[in-house]
N, C-alpha and C. Protein backbone atom coordinates (compact mmCIF):
# COMPACT_ATOMS: atom_id res chain seq x y z
N MET A 1 -14.98 4.16 -43.46
CA MET A 1 -15.39 5.41 -43.87
C MET A 1 -16.75 5.54 -44.59
N ALA A 2 -17.81 5.21 -43.87
CA ALA A 2 -19.20 4.97 -44.53
C ALA A 2 -19.48 6.33 -45.36
N PHE A 3 -19.03 7.38 -44.85
CA PHE A 3 -19.37 8.75 -45.71
C PHE A 3 -19.10 8.72 -47.09
N LEU A 4 -18.20 8.02 -47.33
CA LEU A 4 -17.85 7.92 -48.84
C LEU A 4 -18.77 7.04 -49.70
N ALA A 5 -19.83 6.41 -49.04
CA ALA A 5 -20.84 5.73 -49.72
C ALA A 5 -21.88 6.65 -50.42
N LYS A 6 -22.00 7.78 -49.77
CA LYS A 6 -23.08 8.70 -50.31
C LYS A 6 -22.59 9.29 -51.64
N GLY A 7 -21.59 9.15 -52.09
CA GLY A 7 -20.85 9.96 -53.26
C GLY A 7 -21.13 8.91 -54.36
N LYS A 8 -21.46 9.52 -55.61
CA LYS A 8 -21.32 8.93 -56.95
C LYS A 8 -20.06 8.71 -57.39
N LYS A 9 -19.70 7.81 -58.44
CA LYS A 9 -18.56 7.44 -58.89
C LYS A 9 -17.78 8.77 -59.39
N ALA A 10 -18.60 9.81 -60.10
CA ALA A 10 -17.97 11.02 -60.46
C ALA A 10 -17.65 11.91 -59.16
N ASP A 11 -18.41 12.07 -58.19
CA ASP A 11 -18.09 12.70 -57.08
C ASP A 11 -16.86 12.09 -56.42
N LEU A 12 -16.65 10.97 -56.35
CA LEU A 12 -15.36 10.26 -55.84
C LEU A 12 -14.27 10.51 -56.67
N VAL A 13 -14.43 10.69 -57.91
CA VAL A 13 -13.30 10.87 -58.89
C VAL A 13 -12.74 12.29 -58.60
N ASN A 14 -13.80 13.42 -58.35
CA ASN A 14 -13.62 14.56 -58.13
C ASN A 14 -12.61 14.83 -56.85
N VAL A 15 -13.08 14.16 -55.78
CA VAL A 15 -12.23 14.04 -54.52
C VAL A 15 -10.88 13.82 -54.96
N CYS A 16 -10.69 12.59 -55.50
CA CYS A 16 -9.29 12.13 -56.03
C CYS A 16 -8.56 13.35 -56.59
N GLU A 17 -9.32 13.79 -57.38
CA GLU A 17 -8.50 15.01 -58.27
C GLU A 17 -8.00 16.18 -57.42
N GLU A 18 -9.00 16.44 -56.39
CA GLU A 18 -8.63 17.49 -55.42
C GLU A 18 -7.55 17.05 -54.45
N LEU A 19 -7.48 15.87 -54.24
CA LEU A 19 -6.42 15.43 -53.34
C LEU A 19 -5.04 15.18 -54.14
N GLY A 20 -5.28 15.38 -55.46
CA GLY A 20 -3.90 15.26 -56.19
C GLY A 20 -3.59 13.81 -56.74
N GLU A 21 -4.70 12.93 -56.63
CA GLU A 21 -4.52 11.69 -57.07
C GLU A 21 -5.08 11.38 -58.36
N ASN A 22 -4.36 10.37 -59.11
CA ASN A 22 -4.90 9.99 -60.58
C ASN A 22 -5.80 8.81 -60.37
N VAL A 23 -6.83 8.80 -61.22
CA VAL A 23 -7.67 7.66 -61.24
C VAL A 23 -7.90 7.08 -62.58
N PRO A 24 -7.42 5.76 -62.58
CA PRO A 24 -7.58 5.18 -64.01
C PRO A 24 -8.78 5.15 -64.46
N PRO A 25 -8.99 5.36 -65.92
CA PRO A 25 -10.45 5.43 -66.48
C PRO A 25 -11.35 4.27 -66.23
N ASN A 26 -10.62 3.06 -65.99
CA ASN A 26 -11.47 1.92 -65.78
C ASN A 26 -11.77 1.48 -64.35
N SER A 27 -11.44 2.47 -63.45
CA SER A 27 -11.46 2.11 -62.02
C SER A 27 -13.12 2.08 -61.56
N ARG A 28 -13.16 1.14 -60.67
CA ARG A 28 -14.49 0.90 -60.16
C ARG A 28 -14.63 1.72 -58.81
N VAL A 29 -15.86 1.82 -58.14
CA VAL A 29 -16.08 2.61 -57.07
C VAL A 29 -15.12 2.09 -55.80
N PRO A 30 -15.22 0.92 -55.59
CA PRO A 30 -14.33 0.31 -54.53
C PRO A 30 -12.86 0.79 -54.72
N ASP A 31 -12.33 0.69 -56.08
CA ASP A 31 -10.92 1.01 -56.22
C ASP A 31 -10.76 2.72 -56.00
N ILE A 32 -11.74 3.57 -56.29
CA ILE A 32 -11.71 4.82 -56.15
C ILE A 32 -11.67 5.20 -54.71
N LYS A 33 -12.60 4.42 -54.01
CA LYS A 33 -12.40 4.67 -52.39
C LYS A 33 -11.10 4.26 -51.92
N HIS A 34 -10.58 3.26 -52.31
CA HIS A 34 -9.23 2.84 -51.87
C HIS A 34 -8.20 3.71 -52.14
N ILE A 35 -8.35 4.35 -53.37
CA ILE A 35 -7.36 5.58 -53.71
C ILE A 35 -7.44 6.79 -52.74
N ILE A 36 -8.57 7.05 -52.41
CA ILE A 36 -8.81 8.05 -51.45
C ILE A 36 -8.23 7.76 -50.08
N LEU A 37 -8.76 6.78 -49.54
CA LEU A 37 -8.16 6.20 -48.28
C LEU A 37 -6.66 6.25 -48.13
N GLU A 38 -6.13 5.73 -49.24
CA GLU A 38 -4.66 5.55 -49.21
C GLU A 38 -3.80 6.76 -49.67
N SER A 39 -4.46 7.75 -49.87
CA SER A 39 -3.84 9.11 -50.42
C SER A 39 -2.98 9.66 -49.11
N LYS A 40 -1.73 10.12 -49.58
CA LYS A 40 -0.96 10.79 -48.54
C LYS A 40 -1.62 12.19 -47.93
N ASN A 41 -2.69 12.74 -48.88
CA ASN A 41 -3.29 13.94 -48.55
C ASN A 41 -4.71 13.68 -47.76
N PHE A 42 -4.96 12.31 -47.43
CA PHE A 42 -6.16 11.99 -46.77
C PHE A 42 -6.23 12.56 -45.43
N ASN A 43 -7.31 13.35 -45.31
CA ASN A 43 -7.86 13.75 -43.88
C ASN A 43 -9.25 13.49 -43.75
N GLU A 44 -9.80 12.71 -42.82
CA GLU A 44 -11.03 12.30 -42.86
C GLU A 44 -12.09 13.57 -42.83
N GLU A 45 -11.95 14.59 -42.11
CA GLU A 45 -12.84 15.59 -41.85
C GLU A 45 -12.70 16.33 -43.28
N ALA A 46 -11.59 16.60 -43.58
CA ALA A 46 -11.30 17.49 -44.87
C ALA A 46 -12.21 16.72 -46.23
N VAL A 47 -11.77 15.48 -46.22
CA VAL A 47 -12.35 14.91 -47.23
C VAL A 47 -14.16 14.85 -47.17
N ARG A 48 -14.50 14.70 -45.93
CA ARG A 48 -15.85 14.59 -45.83
C ARG A 48 -16.69 15.94 -46.23
N ILE A 49 -15.74 17.04 -45.82
CA ILE A 49 -16.37 18.36 -46.26
C ILE A 49 -16.26 18.59 -47.83
N MET A 50 -15.22 18.12 -48.47
CA MET A 50 -15.07 18.02 -49.72
C MET A 50 -16.08 17.48 -50.42
N LEU A 51 -16.28 16.18 -50.07
CA LEU A 51 -17.38 15.39 -50.71
C LEU A 51 -18.85 15.93 -50.70
N ASP A 52 -19.10 16.53 -49.56
CA ASP A 52 -20.39 17.27 -49.23
C ASP A 52 -20.43 18.38 -50.14
N ARG A 53 -19.48 19.06 -50.35
CA ARG A 53 -19.38 20.38 -51.29
C ARG A 53 -19.47 19.83 -52.76
N ILE A 54 -18.92 18.82 -53.07
CA ILE A 54 -18.91 18.20 -54.56
C ILE A 54 -20.51 17.87 -54.89
N ILE A 55 -21.04 17.16 -53.87
CA ILE A 55 -22.28 16.48 -54.08
C ILE A 55 -23.19 17.67 -54.25
N GLY A 56 -23.27 18.62 -53.28
CA GLY A 56 -24.04 19.84 -53.27
C GLY A 56 -23.95 20.58 -54.70
N GLU A 57 -22.72 20.50 -55.16
CA GLU A 57 -22.64 21.40 -56.26
C GLU A 57 -23.33 20.67 -57.52
N ARG A 58 -23.17 19.32 -57.53
CA ARG A 58 -23.57 18.44 -58.57
C ARG A 58 -25.25 18.51 -58.51
N LEU A 59 -25.78 18.50 -57.22
CA LEU A 59 -27.21 18.74 -57.02
C LEU A 59 -27.89 20.05 -57.64
N GLU A 60 -27.05 21.08 -57.19
CA GLU A 60 -27.42 22.47 -57.44
C GLU A 60 -27.50 22.50 -59.12
N GLU A 61 -26.36 21.98 -59.79
CA GLU A 61 -26.35 21.93 -61.45
C GLU A 61 -27.41 21.39 -61.96
N ALA A 62 -27.73 19.97 -61.37
CA ALA A 62 -28.93 19.19 -61.81
C ALA A 62 -30.33 19.98 -61.81
N GLU A 63 -30.36 20.71 -60.53
CA GLU A 63 -31.56 21.43 -60.32
C GLU A 63 -31.79 22.67 -61.26
N ALA A 64 -30.66 23.24 -61.48
CA ALA A 64 -30.64 24.53 -62.39
C ALA A 64 -30.98 24.08 -63.85
N GLU A 65 -30.29 22.72 -64.20
CA GLU A 65 -30.77 22.41 -65.58
C GLU A 65 -32.18 21.97 -65.70
N ARG A 66 -32.64 21.34 -64.58
CA ARG A 66 -34.28 21.00 -64.73
C ARG A 66 -35.04 22.17 -64.69
N GLN A 67 -34.61 23.19 -63.95
CA GLN A 67 -35.50 24.41 -63.91
C GLN A 67 -35.40 25.08 -65.22
N GLN A 68 -34.09 25.13 -66.08
CA GLN A 68 -34.02 25.79 -67.32
C GLN A 68 -34.85 24.98 -68.54
N LEU A 69 -34.81 23.74 -68.39
CA LEU A 69 -35.68 22.96 -69.12
C LEU A 69 -37.10 23.19 -68.98
N GLU A 70 -37.55 23.06 -67.82
CA GLU A 70 -38.92 23.42 -67.42
C GLU A 70 -39.40 24.80 -67.90
N HIS A 71 -38.54 25.81 -67.67
CA HIS A 71 -38.78 27.04 -68.26
C HIS A 71 -38.92 27.06 -69.68
N GLU A 72 -38.09 26.45 -70.36
CA GLU A 72 -38.04 26.34 -71.94
C GLU A 72 -39.38 25.75 -72.45
N LEU A 73 -39.78 24.68 -71.69
CA LEU A 73 -40.95 23.92 -72.29
C LEU A 73 -42.23 24.51 -71.73
N SER A 74 -42.33 25.36 -70.61
CA SER A 74 -43.55 25.97 -70.09
C SER A 74 -44.06 27.01 -70.99
N GLY A 75 -43.26 27.96 -71.43
CA GLY A 75 -43.82 29.12 -72.05
C GLY A 75 -43.65 29.06 -73.44
N ASN A 76 -43.15 28.15 -73.98
CA ASN A 76 -42.82 28.17 -75.59
C ASN A 76 -43.48 26.69 -76.05
N ASP A 77 -43.97 26.75 -77.27
CA ASP A 77 -44.23 25.71 -78.08
C ASP A 77 -43.02 24.86 -78.45
N LEU A 78 -43.12 23.44 -78.48
CA LEU A 78 -41.95 22.75 -78.94
C LEU A 78 -42.51 22.13 -80.22
N ASN A 79 -41.60 22.36 -81.28
CA ASN A 79 -41.71 21.78 -82.54
C ASN A 79 -40.79 20.82 -82.72
N VAL A 80 -41.29 19.70 -83.37
CA VAL A 80 -40.24 18.56 -83.78
C VAL A 80 -40.48 18.01 -84.88
N LYS A 81 -39.66 17.83 -85.97
CA LYS A 81 -40.10 17.24 -87.06
C LYS A 81 -39.13 15.99 -87.32
N LEU A 82 -39.81 14.67 -87.39
CA LEU A 82 -39.03 13.57 -87.52
C LEU A 82 -39.22 13.23 -89.01
N SER A 83 -38.19 12.72 -89.73
CA SER A 83 -38.41 12.48 -90.98
C SER A 83 -37.70 11.18 -91.51
N SER A 84 -38.11 10.49 -92.47
CA SER A 84 -37.31 9.36 -93.05
C SER A 84 -37.78 9.41 -94.61
N ASP A 85 -37.37 8.34 -95.18
CA ASP A 85 -37.61 8.43 -96.76
C ASP A 85 -39.16 8.24 -96.83
N ASP A 86 -39.84 7.50 -96.20
CA ASP A 86 -41.20 7.22 -96.47
C ASP A 86 -42.22 7.94 -95.49
N LEU A 87 -41.77 8.62 -94.41
CA LEU A 87 -42.64 9.19 -93.42
C LEU A 87 -42.06 10.58 -92.99
N ASN A 88 -43.10 11.52 -92.88
CA ASN A 88 -42.62 12.78 -92.25
C ASN A 88 -43.74 12.94 -91.26
N VAL A 89 -43.40 13.29 -90.06
CA VAL A 89 -44.15 13.37 -88.83
C VAL A 89 -43.79 14.74 -88.30
N LYS A 90 -44.87 15.59 -87.94
CA LYS A 90 -44.76 16.89 -87.45
C LYS A 90 -45.36 16.69 -86.15
N LEU A 91 -44.51 17.01 -85.00
CA LEU A 91 -45.18 16.97 -83.66
C LEU A 91 -45.24 18.56 -83.20
N ARG A 92 -46.19 18.80 -82.49
CA ARG A 92 -46.26 20.13 -81.78
C ARG A 92 -46.85 19.94 -80.62
N LEU A 93 -46.08 20.52 -79.39
CA LEU A 93 -46.50 20.37 -78.05
C LEU A 93 -46.75 21.78 -77.49
N SER A 94 -48.05 21.93 -77.31
CA SER A 94 -48.38 23.17 -76.89
C SER A 94 -49.54 23.10 -75.66
N SER A 95 -49.28 23.74 -74.63
CA SER A 95 -50.25 23.87 -73.25
C SER A 95 -50.32 22.34 -72.97
N GLY A 96 -49.35 21.41 -72.95
CA GLY A 96 -49.29 20.23 -72.36
C GLY A 96 -50.07 19.16 -73.41
N LYS A 97 -50.67 19.79 -74.58
CA LYS A 97 -51.25 18.82 -75.46
C LYS A 97 -50.37 18.38 -76.56
N LEU A 98 -50.26 17.24 -77.21
CA LEU A 98 -49.63 16.83 -78.23
C LEU A 98 -50.45 16.62 -79.58
N ASN A 99 -49.99 17.32 -80.47
CA ASN A 99 -50.71 17.44 -81.85
C ASN A 99 -49.65 16.83 -82.98
N TYR A 100 -50.12 15.94 -83.85
CA TYR A 100 -49.22 15.57 -84.78
C TYR A 100 -49.85 15.48 -86.09
N ASN A 101 -49.18 15.64 -87.32
CA ASN A 101 -49.41 15.62 -88.45
C ASN A 101 -48.62 14.64 -89.17
N VAL A 102 -49.37 13.75 -90.00
CA VAL A 102 -48.52 12.75 -90.61
C VAL A 102 -48.49 13.04 -92.16
């Protein structure tokens, strides 16, 4: 079942959950693949479609987060203040330029 190789561990865990299987927290990817293949609910075509959907959802979420972060950083100034007992540093990111005051 080579198609299982394209999924990340979290994707495979989601497949197991949708198949009604429990995955021990310390399971490795080969163990999770074995759980999927030995599931009483395993159907190759259904699992292939399920995995494709899960991967697609993960990629869409990652892209949405990237776009949100890009939007937040593009139009706004980013002010960060780092401090310790001996040092105060103020960083200002504006228009792609970093200015700092010590």
